[in-house]
N, C-alpha and C. Protein backbone atom coordinates (compact mmCIF):
# COMPACT_ATOMS: atom_id res chain seq x y z
N UNK A 1 97.62 103.52 120.16
CA UNK A 1 97.28 102.58 118.78
C UNK A 1 95.85 101.99 119.24
N UNK A 2 95.36 101.97 118.08
CA UNK A 2 93.85 101.52 117.97
C UNK A 2 93.90 100.43 116.47
N UNK A 3 93.40 99.64 117.32
CA UNK A 3 93.32 98.55 116.22
C UNK A 3 91.90 98.55 115.90
N UNK A 4 91.87 98.42 114.45
CA UNK A 4 90.40 98.35 113.66
C UNK A 4 90.47 96.62 113.35
N UNK A 5 89.37 96.20 113.22
CA UNK A 5 89.30 94.73 113.06
C UNK A 5 87.96 94.90 111.84
N UNK A 6 88.18 94.16 110.75
CA UNK A 6 87.52 94.12 109.65
C UNK A 6 87.56 92.55 109.58
N UNK A 7 86.00 92.31 109.52
CA UNK A 7 85.61 90.69 109.52
C UNK A 7 84.71 90.73 108.24
N UNK A 8 85.47 90.23 107.17
CA UNK A 8 84.99 90.30 105.84
C UNK A 8 83.78 89.46 105.29
N UNK A 9 83.14 89.93 104.68
CA UNK A 9 81.85 89.08 104.48
C UNK A 9 80.56 89.40 105.45
N UNK A 10 79.46 88.62 105.06
CA UNK A 10 78.34 88.98 105.90
C UNK A 10 78.21 87.94 106.90
N UNK A 11 77.20 88.16 107.56
CA UNK A 11 76.74 87.48 108.60
C UNK A 11 75.71 86.34 108.02
N UNK A 12 74.89 85.66 109.40
CA UNK A 12 73.71 84.90 108.94
C UNK A 12 72.48 86.04 109.37
N UNK A 13 71.24 86.48 108.66
CA UNK A 13 70.36 87.13 109.22
C UNK A 13 69.15 86.24 108.95
N UNK A 14 68.17 86.10 109.81
CA UNK A 14 67.09 85.16 109.64
C UNK A 14 67.29 84.01 109.03
N UNK A 15 68.69 83.61 109.52
CA UNK A 15 69.03 81.99 108.69
C UNK A 15 69.35 81.84 107.64
N UNK A 16 69.65 82.97 107.11
CA UNK A 16 70.15 83.17 105.40
C UNK A 16 71.58 83.83 105.55
N UNK A 17 72.59 83.14 104.97
CA UNK A 17 74.13 83.72 104.83
C UNK A 17 73.99 84.81 103.73
N UNK A 18 74.76 85.60 104.41
CA UNK A 18 74.57 87.24 103.26
C UNK A 18 75.45 87.44 102.73
N UNK A 19 76.46 86.21 102.25
CA UNK A 19 77.16 86.21 100.95
C UNK A 19 77.30 85.08 100.26
N UNK A 20 77.10 85.20 99.02
CA UNK A 20 77.06 84.32 98.25
C UNK A 20 78.32 83.94 98.00
N UNK A 21 78.55 82.22 97.79
CA UNK A 21 79.76 81.51 97.93
C UNK A 21 80.63 81.67 99.43
N UNK A 22 81.60 81.62 99.46
CA UNK A 22 82.38 82.20 100.65
C UNK A 22 81.80 81.14 101.80
N UNK A 23 81.83 79.91 101.44
CA UNK A 23 82.04 79.03 102.54
C UNK A 23 82.32 77.64 102.05
N UNK A 24 82.52 76.77 102.80
CA UNK A 24 83.34 75.34 102.88
C UNK A 24 82.31 74.37 101.86
N UNK A 25 82.89 73.29 101.86
CA UNK A 25 81.68 72.15 101.31
C UNK A 25 80.84 71.70 102.53
N UNK A 26 79.99 71.39 102.46
CA UNK A 26 79.28 70.51 103.26
C UNK A 26 80.21 69.06 103.37
N UNK A 27 80.68 68.87 104.64
CA UNK A 27 81.21 67.94 104.81
C UNK A 27 80.34 66.68 105.49
N UNK A 28 81.28 65.23 105.62
CA UNK A 28 80.29 64.35 105.40
C UNK A 28 79.51 64.31 106.95
N UNK A 29 79.86 65.06 108.19
CA UNK A 29 79.18 65.27 109.06
C UNK A 29 77.80 66.21 108.93
N UNK A 30 77.61 66.88 108.00
CA UNK A 30 76.73 67.73 107.76
C UNK A 30 77.11 69.09 108.09
N UNK A 31 78.56 69.37 108.63
CA UNK A 31 78.92 70.67 109.29
C UNK A 31 79.66 71.52 107.84
N UNK A 32 79.37 72.78 108.08
CA UNK A 32 79.94 73.47 106.77
C UNK A 32 80.07 74.68 107.69
N UNK A 33 80.99 75.69 106.91
CA UNK A 33 81.84 76.80 107.51
C UNK A 33 81.30 77.94 106.62
N UNK A 34 80.77 78.91 107.02
CA UNK A 34 80.40 80.37 106.60
C UNK A 34 81.42 81.31 106.65
N UNK A 35 81.88 81.54 105.56
CA UNK A 35 83.30 82.74 106.23
C UNK A 35 83.16 83.85 106.94
N UNK A 36 82.15 84.35 106.43
CA UNK A 36 81.55 85.44 107.13
C UNK A 36 81.24 85.43 108.70
N UNK A 37 80.82 83.98 109.06
CA UNK A 37 80.33 84.03 110.51
C UNK A 37 81.68 83.75 111.16
N UNK A 38 82.83 82.55 110.51
CA UNK A 38 83.92 82.52 111.09
C UNK A 38 84.66 83.72 111.37
N UNK A 39 84.95 84.55 110.14
CA UNK A 39 85.32 85.89 110.82
C UNK A 39 84.75 86.74 111.47
N UNK A 40 83.49 86.60 111.73
CA UNK A 40 82.95 87.70 112.89
C UNK A 40 83.18 86.80 114.07
N UNK A 41 83.68 85.68 114.70
CA UNK A 41 83.83 85.06 115.82
C UNK A 41 85.24 85.25 115.84
N UNK A 42 85.92 85.25 115.20
CA UNK A 42 87.58 85.56 115.44
C UNK A 42 87.49 87.00 115.44
N UNK A 43 87.05 87.88 115.20
CA UNK A 43 86.79 89.45 115.76
C UNK A 43 86.21 89.65 117.05
N UNK A 44 85.20 88.77 117.02
CA UNK A 44 84.74 88.73 118.58
C UNK A 44 85.36 88.57 119.65
N UNK A 45 86.20 87.55 118.96
CA UNK A 45 87.32 87.03 120.43
C UNK A 45 88.48 87.89 120.63
N UNK A 46 88.72 88.48 119.23
CA UNK A 46 89.99 89.29 119.17
C UNK A 46 89.49 90.93 120.15
N UNK A 47 87.95 91.32 119.53
CA UNK A 47 87.84 92.73 120.37
C UNK A 47 87.59 92.41 122.03
N UNK A 48 87.04 90.82 122.43
CA UNK A 48 87.34 90.88 124.06
C UNK A 48 88.60 90.97 124.47
N UNK A 49 89.54 90.03 123.72
CA UNK A 49 90.83 90.22 124.27
C UNK A 49 91.60 91.57 124.53
N UNK A 50 91.38 92.06 123.29
CA UNK A 50 91.81 93.82 123.40
C UNK A 50 91.26 94.62 124.56
N UNK A 51 90.02 94.50 124.72
CA UNK A 51 89.21 95.18 125.56
C UNK A 51 89.47 94.73 127.38
N UNK A 52 90.22 93.58 127.11
CA UNK A 52 90.49 93.10 128.76
C UNK A 52 91.86 93.82 129.05
N UNK A 53 92.37 93.85 127.95
CA UNK A 53 94.19 94.60 128.09
C UNK A 53 94.00 96.01 127.86
N UNK A 54 93.13 96.79 127.70
CA UNK A 54 92.92 97.98 127.69
C UNK A 54 93.43 98.63 126.32
N UNK A 55 93.41 97.69 125.73
CA UNK A 55 94.10 98.67 124.03
C UNK A 55 92.60 98.79 123.28
N UNK A 56 92.72 100.11 122.72
CA UNK A 56 91.83 100.85 122.09
C UNK A 56 91.26 99.73 120.94
N UNK A 57 89.95 99.55 120.42
CA UNK A 57 89.91 98.74 119.14
C UNK A 57 88.61 98.75 118.97
N UNK A 58 88.25 98.68 117.64
CA UNK A 58 86.98 99.30 116.96
C UNK A 58 86.67 98.15 115.75
N UNK A 59 85.22 97.47 116.10
CA UNK A 59 84.90 96.67 114.40
C UNK A 59 84.12 97.47 113.73
N UNK A 60 85.10 97.23 112.55
CA UNK A 60 84.78 98.13 111.33
C UNK A 60 83.62 97.86 111.02
N UNK A 61 82.94 96.45 110.72
CA UNK A 61 81.45 95.88 110.34
C UNK A 61 80.87 95.11 111.41
N UNK A 62 79.92 96.17 112.07
CA UNK A 62 79.24 95.46 113.30
C UNK A 62 77.90 95.05 113.01
N UNK A 63 77.69 95.24 111.67
CA UNK A 63 76.36 94.92 111.41
C UNK A 63 76.53 93.53 110.73
N UNK A 64 75.55 92.88 110.44
CA UNK A 64 75.44 91.24 109.72
C UNK A 64 75.71 91.43 108.12
N UNK A 65 75.32 92.52 107.63
CA UNK A 65 74.83 92.52 106.16
C UNK A 65 76.19 92.45 105.52
N UNK A 66 76.63 92.16 104.05
CA UNK A 66 77.62 92.18 103.87
C UNK A 66 77.80 93.39 103.34
N UNK A 67 78.64 94.24 103.85
CA UNK A 67 79.00 96.04 103.84
C UNK A 67 80.32 95.98 102.76
N UNK A 68 79.90 96.49 101.42
CA UNK A 68 81.00 96.57 100.10
C UNK A 68 82.25 97.13 100.94
N UNK A 69 83.26 96.63 99.66
CA UNK A 69 84.56 96.79 100.27
C UNK A 69 84.65 98.51 100.50
N UNK A 70 84.18 99.17 99.63
CA UNK A 70 84.32 100.86 99.54
C UNK A 70 83.74 101.24 100.65
N UNK A 71 82.63 100.62 101.48
CA UNK A 71 82.34 101.47 102.51
C UNK A 71 83.19 100.97 103.60
N UNK A 72 83.81 99.57 103.55
CA UNK A 72 84.51 99.42 104.92
C UNK A 72 85.95 100.01 104.99
N UNK A 73 86.29 100.27 103.55
CA UNK A 73 87.69 101.36 103.46
C UNK A 73 87.48 102.55 103.97
N UNK A 74 86.22 102.81 103.70
CA UNK A 74 86.04 104.42 103.94
C UNK A 74 86.12 104.68 105.10
N UNK A 75 85.20 103.51 106.08
CA UNK A 75 85.33 103.66 107.91
C UNK A 75 86.69 103.69 108.34
N UNK A 76 87.54 102.99 107.66
CA UNK A 76 88.91 102.80 107.89
C UNK A 76 89.25 104.16 108.18
N UNK A 77 89.42 104.88 106.61
CA UNK A 77 89.89 105.80 106.48
C UNK A 77 89.59 107.06 107.10
N UNK A 78 88.35 107.15 107.90
CA UNK A 78 87.85 108.16 108.44
C UNK A 78 88.21 108.13 109.84
N UNK A 79 88.65 106.75 110.24
CA UNK A 79 89.21 106.55 111.49
C UNK A 79 90.37 107.44 111.51
N UNK A 80 91.05 106.69 110.42
CA UNK A 80 92.70 107.18 110.23
C UNK A 80 92.83 108.61 110.07
N UNK A 81 92.01 109.31 109.70
CA UNK A 81 92.01 110.90 109.87
C UNK A 81 91.94 111.37 111.24
N UNK A 82 91.51 110.71 112.34
CA UNK A 82 90.96 111.26 113.46
C UNK A 82 92.29 110.62 114.36
N UNK A 83 92.57 109.49 114.01
CA UNK A 83 93.82 108.89 114.82
C UNK A 83 94.88 108.02 113.97
N UNK A 84 95.72 108.66 113.93
CA UNK A 84 96.76 108.10 113.25
C UNK A 84 97.94 107.21 113.77
N UNK A 85 97.33 106.65 114.82
CA UNK A 85 97.98 105.74 115.47
C UNK A 85 97.07 104.18 115.29
N UNK A 86 96.24 104.44 114.06
CA UNK A 86 95.35 103.24 113.59
C UNK A 86 95.79 102.27 112.92
N UNK A 87 95.77 101.03 113.07
CA UNK A 87 96.33 99.76 112.29
C UNK A 87 95.00 98.93 111.82
N UNK A 88 94.95 98.34 111.17
CA UNK A 88 93.76 97.34 110.37
C UNK A 88 94.35 95.92 110.34
N UNK A 89 93.43 95.02 110.87
CA UNK A 89 93.56 93.72 110.84
C UNK A 89 92.55 93.12 110.26
N UNK A 90 92.61 92.58 108.33
CA UNK A 90 91.04 92.15 108.36
C UNK A 90 91.17 90.25 108.11
N UNK A 91 90.29 90.00 108.81
CA UNK A 91 90.46 88.62 109.24
C UNK A 91 89.60 87.77 107.96
N UNK A 92 89.95 86.46 107.40
CA UNK A 92 89.34 85.79 106.34
C UNK A 92 89.61 84.56 106.45
N UNK A 93 89.01 83.53 105.91
CA UNK A 93 89.37 81.82 105.50
C UNK A 93 89.78 81.76 104.01
N UNK A 94 90.48 80.98 103.68
CA UNK A 94 90.94 81.24 102.57
C UNK A 94 90.12 80.23 101.34
N UNK A 95 89.52 79.96 100.41
CA UNK A 95 89.01 79.13 99.47
C UNK A 95 89.89 78.55 98.41
N UNK A 96 89.51 77.67 98.03
CA UNK A 96 90.14 77.48 96.48
C UNK A 96 89.23 75.60 95.76
N UNK A 97 89.51 75.80 94.70
CA UNK A 97 88.70 74.58 94.04
C UNK A 97 89.34 73.20 94.16
N UNK A 98 90.57 73.16 94.56
CA UNK A 98 91.40 71.87 94.97
C UNK A 98 91.26 71.95 96.36
N UNK A 99 90.88 70.64 97.11
CA UNK A 99 90.85 69.95 98.56
C UNK A 99 92.38 70.56 98.87
N UNK A 100 93.38 70.24 98.02
CA UNK A 100 94.62 69.97 98.80
C UNK A 100 95.39 71.21 99.31
N UNK A 101 94.82 72.40 98.61
CA UNK A 101 95.36 73.84 98.66
C UNK A 101 95.14 74.04 100.20
N UNK A 102 96.25 74.26 101.11
CA UNK A 102 96.22 74.39 102.47
C UNK A 102 97.13 75.67 102.71
N UNK A 103 97.18 76.03 104.20
CA UNK A 103 98.18 76.82 104.71
C UNK A 103 97.34 78.36 105.20
N UNK A 104 97.95 79.02 106.10
CA UNK A 104 97.61 80.49 106.38
C UNK A 104 98.62 81.20 105.34
N UNK A 105 98.10 82.55 105.55
CA UNK A 105 98.75 83.77 104.83
C UNK A 105 98.46 84.72 105.35
N UNK A 106 99.39 85.92 105.20
CA UNK A 106 99.24 87.35 105.69
C UNK A 106 99.76 88.24 104.71
N UNK A 107 99.08 88.95 104.27
CA UNK A 107 99.00 89.68 103.20
C UNK A 107 98.81 90.99 103.32
N UNK A 108 99.67 91.92 102.61
CA UNK A 108 100.16 93.44 102.67
C UNK A 108 100.02 93.98 101.02
N UNK A 109 99.97 95.34 101.10
CA UNK A 109 99.62 95.87 99.75
C UNK A 109 101.00 95.63 99.41
N UNK A 110 101.64 96.18 97.57
CA UNK A 110 102.63 95.99 96.76
C UNK A 110 103.46 96.93 97.40
N UNK A 111 104.91 96.42 97.47
CA UNK A 111 105.69 97.81 97.70
C UNK A 111 106.01 97.87 99.28
N UNK A 112 107.30 98.09 99.41
CA UNK A 112 107.81 98.16 101.09
C UNK A 112 106.94 99.20 101.71
N UNK A 113 105.91 98.61 102.66
CA UNK A 113 105.37 99.60 103.59
C UNK A 113 105.47 99.39 104.97
N UNK A 114 104.85 100.26 106.03
CA UNK A 114 105.00 99.99 107.18
C UNK A 114 103.77 99.02 107.55
N UNK A 115 102.86 98.03 106.65
CA UNK A 115 102.42 97.22 107.07
C UNK A 115 103.45 95.73 106.99
N UNK A 116 104.39 95.91 106.41
CA UNK A 116 105.44 94.82 106.53
C UNK A 116 105.53 94.00 107.69
N UNK A 117 106.26 95.31 108.35
CA UNK A 117 107.02 94.60 109.68
C UNK A 117 105.45 94.15 110.53
N UNK A 118 104.61 94.51 110.41
CA UNK A 118 103.20 93.90 111.19
C UNK A 118 102.50 92.51 110.60
N UNK A 119 102.94 92.43 109.24
CA UNK A 119 102.51 91.17 108.74
C UNK A 119 103.70 90.12 109.34
N UNK A 120 104.90 90.74 109.63
CA UNK A 120 105.96 89.65 109.82
C UNK A 120 105.57 89.15 111.39
N UNK A 121 105.38 90.17 112.00
CA UNK A 121 105.29 89.98 113.58
C UNK A 121 103.78 88.75 113.64
N UNK A 122 102.70 88.94 113.05
CA UNK A 122 101.42 88.50 112.83
C UNK A 122 101.67 86.95 112.86
N UNK A 123 102.44 87.19 111.65
CA UNK A 123 102.79 85.54 110.88
C UNK A 123 103.72 84.93 111.82
N UNK A 124 104.31 85.28 112.33
CA UNK A 124 105.28 84.24 113.52
C UNK A 124 104.61 83.80 114.41
N UNK A 125 103.86 85.03 115.13
CA UNK A 125 102.59 84.71 116.17
C UNK A 125 101.99 83.44 115.84
N UNK A 126 100.99 83.73 114.54
CA UNK A 126 100.36 82.70 114.25
C UNK A 126 100.74 81.30 114.11
N UNK A 127 101.92 81.30 113.71
CA UNK A 127 102.52 80.13 113.48
C UNK A 127 103.21 79.27 114.57
N UNK A 128 103.48 80.10 115.90
CA UNK A 128 103.42 79.59 117.11
C UNK A 128 102.54 78.68 117.54
N UNK A 129 101.38 79.61 117.30
CA UNK A 129 99.99 78.98 117.98
C UNK A 129 99.68 77.86 117.01
N UNK A 130 99.62 78.23 115.57
CA UNK A 130 98.66 76.99 114.63
C UNK A 130 99.74 76.34 114.16
N UNK A 131 100.77 75.89 114.62
CA UNK A 131 101.89 75.21 113.97
C UNK A 131 101.00 73.92 112.95
N UNK A 132 100.12 73.29 113.07
CA UNK A 132 99.13 72.38 112.47
C UNK A 132 99.05 73.05 111.14
N UNK A 133 99.10 74.34 110.93
CA UNK A 133 98.40 74.89 109.61
C UNK A 133 99.78 75.48 109.23
N UNK A 134 100.19 74.97 108.16
CA UNK A 134 101.27 75.10 107.27
C UNK A 134 101.14 76.75 106.96
N UNK A 135 102.73 77.51 107.15
CA UNK A 135 102.93 79.02 106.66
C UNK A 135 103.25 78.96 105.31
N UNK A 136 102.30 79.65 104.63
CA UNK A 136 101.98 80.12 103.12
C UNK A 136 103.26 81.10 102.95
N UNK A 137 103.36 81.74 103.93
CA UNK A 137 104.31 83.23 103.73
C UNK A 137 103.40 84.46 103.77
N UNK A 138 104.24 85.58 103.66
CA UNK A 138 103.42 86.72 104.03
C UNK A 138 103.62 87.35 102.34
N UNK A 139 102.70 87.77 101.90
CA UNK A 139 102.37 88.26 100.11
C UNK A 139 102.07 89.39 99.97
N UNK A 140 102.35 90.26 99.03
CA UNK A 140 101.57 91.43 98.51
C UNK A 140 100.82 90.95 97.67
N UNK A 141 99.69 91.72 97.57
CA UNK A 141 98.27 91.59 96.93
C UNK A 141 97.84 93.02 96.31
N UNK A 142 97.00 93.21 95.86
CA UNK A 142 95.96 94.37 95.54
C UNK A 142 94.87 94.26 96.37
N UNK A 143 94.63 93.33 96.92
CA UNK A 143 93.25 93.44 97.92
C UNK A 143 92.87 94.76 98.21
N UNK A 144 91.46 94.91 98.20
CA UNK A 144 91.18 96.22 98.45
C UNK A 144 91.42 96.87 99.71
N UNK A 145 91.21 96.00 100.85
CA UNK A 145 91.28 96.63 102.30
C UNK A 145 92.60 96.67 102.73
N UNK A 146 93.69 96.32 102.05
CA UNK A 146 95.05 96.50 101.97
C UNK A 146 95.27 97.40 101.22
N UNK A 147 95.01 97.54 100.18
CA UNK A 147 95.74 98.59 98.92
C UNK A 147 95.01 100.13 99.18
N UNK A 148 93.52 100.07 99.35
CA UNK A 148 92.66 101.16 99.66
C UNK A 148 92.62 101.76 100.92
N UNK A 149 93.45 101.34 101.94
CA UNK A 149 92.97 101.79 103.54
C UNK A 149 94.37 102.85 103.25
N UNK A 150 94.28 103.41 104.35
CA UNK A 150 96.00 104.65 104.49
C UNK A 150 96.52 104.29 105.96
N UNK A 151 95.75 103.51 106.58
CA UNK A 151 96.71 103.13 107.85
C UNK A 151 97.56 101.55 107.27
N UNK A 152 98.69 101.56 108.41
CA UNK A 152 99.05 100.09 108.35
C UNK A 152 98.41 99.12 108.14
N UNK A 153 98.04 97.94 107.02
CA UNK A 153 96.98 97.00 106.99
C UNK A 153 97.47 95.68 106.72
N UNK A 154 96.80 94.59 107.27
CA UNK A 154 97.53 93.82 107.01
C UNK A 154 96.10 92.36 106.48
N UNK A 155 96.06 91.65 105.73
CA UNK A 155 94.71 90.41 105.37
C UNK A 155 95.23 89.41 105.68
N UNK A 156 94.25 88.50 106.94
CA UNK A 156 95.27 87.37 107.31
C UNK A 156 94.07 86.21 106.85
N UNK A 157 94.49 85.10 105.94
CA UNK A 157 93.80 84.25 105.72
C UNK A 157 94.62 83.32 106.41
N UNK A 158 93.14 82.82 107.67
CA UNK A 158 93.68 81.93 108.89
C UNK A 158 93.86 80.47 108.27
N UNK A 159 93.58 79.95 107.28
CA UNK A 159 93.26 78.83 106.63
C UNK A 159 92.21 78.39 105.59
N UNK A 160 92.56 77.32 104.64
CA UNK A 160 91.66 76.66 103.89
C UNK A 160 90.33 76.49 104.51
N UNK A 161 88.92 77.02 104.26
CA UNK A 161 87.69 76.17 104.42
C UNK A 161 87.59 75.27 103.51
N UNK A 162 88.15 75.45 102.40
CA UNK A 162 88.36 74.28 101.39
C UNK A 162 88.76 73.05 101.46
N UNK A 163 89.64 72.83 102.63
CA UNK A 163 90.19 72.09 103.05
C UNK A 163 90.05 71.29 104.48
N UNK A 164 89.25 70.00 104.30
CA UNK A 164 88.80 69.44 105.02
C UNK A 164 89.11 69.68 106.80
N UNK A 165 90.45 69.25 106.54
CA UNK A 165 91.35 68.91 107.79
C UNK A 165 91.68 70.66 108.34
N UNK A 166 91.76 71.52 107.81
CA UNK A 166 92.01 72.97 108.20
C UNK A 166 90.85 73.70 108.45
N UNK A 167 89.45 73.21 107.75
CA UNK A 167 88.45 73.79 107.71
C UNK A 167 88.12 73.57 109.33
N UNK A 168 88.09 71.99 109.54
CA UNK A 168 87.91 71.96 110.91
C UNK A 168 88.55 72.40 112.21
N UNK A 169 89.33 72.68 111.72
CA UNK A 169 90.50 73.46 112.65
C UNK A 169 90.04 74.84 112.77
N UNK A 170 89.39 75.01 111.72
CA UNK A 170 88.79 76.37 111.58
C UNK A 170 87.85 76.56 112.45
N UNK A 171 86.86 75.56 112.41
CA UNK A 171 85.57 75.43 112.94
C UNK A 171 85.94 75.25 114.48
N UNK A 172 86.82 74.77 115.11
CA UNK A 172 86.78 74.29 116.32
C UNK A 172 88.17 75.13 117.00
N UNK A 173 88.73 75.76 116.99
CA UNK A 173 89.99 76.62 117.26
C UNK A 173 90.00 78.01 117.36
N UNK A 174 88.89 78.41 117.41
CA UNK A 174 88.47 80.05 117.26
C UNK A 174 89.59 80.88 118.29
N UNK A 175 89.21 80.55 119.63
CA UNK A 175 90.05 80.76 120.60
C UNK A 175 91.40 81.02 120.37
N UNK A 176 92.07 80.06 119.93
CA UNK A 176 93.55 79.81 119.80
C UNK A 176 94.02 80.50 118.39
N UNK A 177 92.97 80.85 117.11
CA UNK A 177 93.55 81.86 116.33
C UNK A 177 93.40 82.80 116.83
N UNK A 178 92.55 83.23 117.60
CA UNK A 178 92.20 84.91 117.74
C UNK A 178 93.43 85.11 118.69
N UNK A 179 93.60 84.01 119.70
CA UNK A 179 95.05 84.38 120.61
C UNK A 179 96.34 84.63 119.80
N UNK A 180 96.64 83.71 118.97
CA UNK A 180 97.56 84.15 117.84
C UNK A 180 97.88 85.36 117.52
N UNK A 181 96.87 85.85 116.96
CA UNK A 181 96.65 87.29 116.14
C UNK A 181 96.75 88.43 117.22
N UNK A 182 96.31 88.03 118.41
CA UNK A 182 96.42 88.81 119.64
C UNK A 182 97.87 89.32 120.17
N UNK A 183 98.39 88.02 119.88
CA UNK A 183 100.01 88.00 120.43
C UNK A 183 100.55 88.87 119.74
N UNK A 184 99.91 88.81 118.44
CA UNK A 184 100.65 89.91 117.29
C UNK A 184 100.15 91.40 117.64
N UNK A 185 99.48 91.33 118.22
CA UNK A 185 98.88 93.19 118.34
C UNK A 185 99.69 93.40 119.67
N UNK A 186 99.93 92.31 120.48
CA UNK A 186 100.42 93.05 121.94
C UNK A 186 101.80 93.12 121.27
N UNK A 187 102.77 92.35 120.35
CA UNK A 187 104.20 93.03 120.04
C UNK A 187 104.49 94.42 119.13
N UNK A 188 103.08 94.33 118.50
CA UNK A 188 103.20 95.46 117.35
C UNK A 188 102.82 96.79 118.31
N UNK A 189 102.30 96.34 119.21
CA UNK A 189 101.66 97.66 120.40
C UNK A 189 103.16 98.15 121.13
């Protein structure tokens, strides 16, 4: 099995965040989470965990620019053409206009697919490690990365960056978040 890791949105280049929006509010202590930076941190830890266990793994977006969804999906599908044992995990942090929104979610494409069992395992492992973040469940959506890729694919919203309590967890518990997802990878493998 090869694990394809998608770190959604851009990073920071020369001090400039590459994706408009996609960030938490600035909290009272001056801290702020940039989703693309958080996603890259989780993916980097996941890549290291996979490498340490000898699990074949590839980061879909190694660059810091905000690579368009079409190009990211094309990269995944090109790998899947060669490796029919590929699975995709797309990492994100959620946001909403009301700070009260909270919880993590695992998304698959609509309908019964090979991604559903993968979502269930990852959701269970995430809940075990991150029990302070509410489980909003496994959901179906037409998100580009789960709909337009040909391999089994899940998109994980790790928590709400617009909820201060959860955002602080996202900013300080990256190792634990990555370990939860990695435990899911181990069970899937």
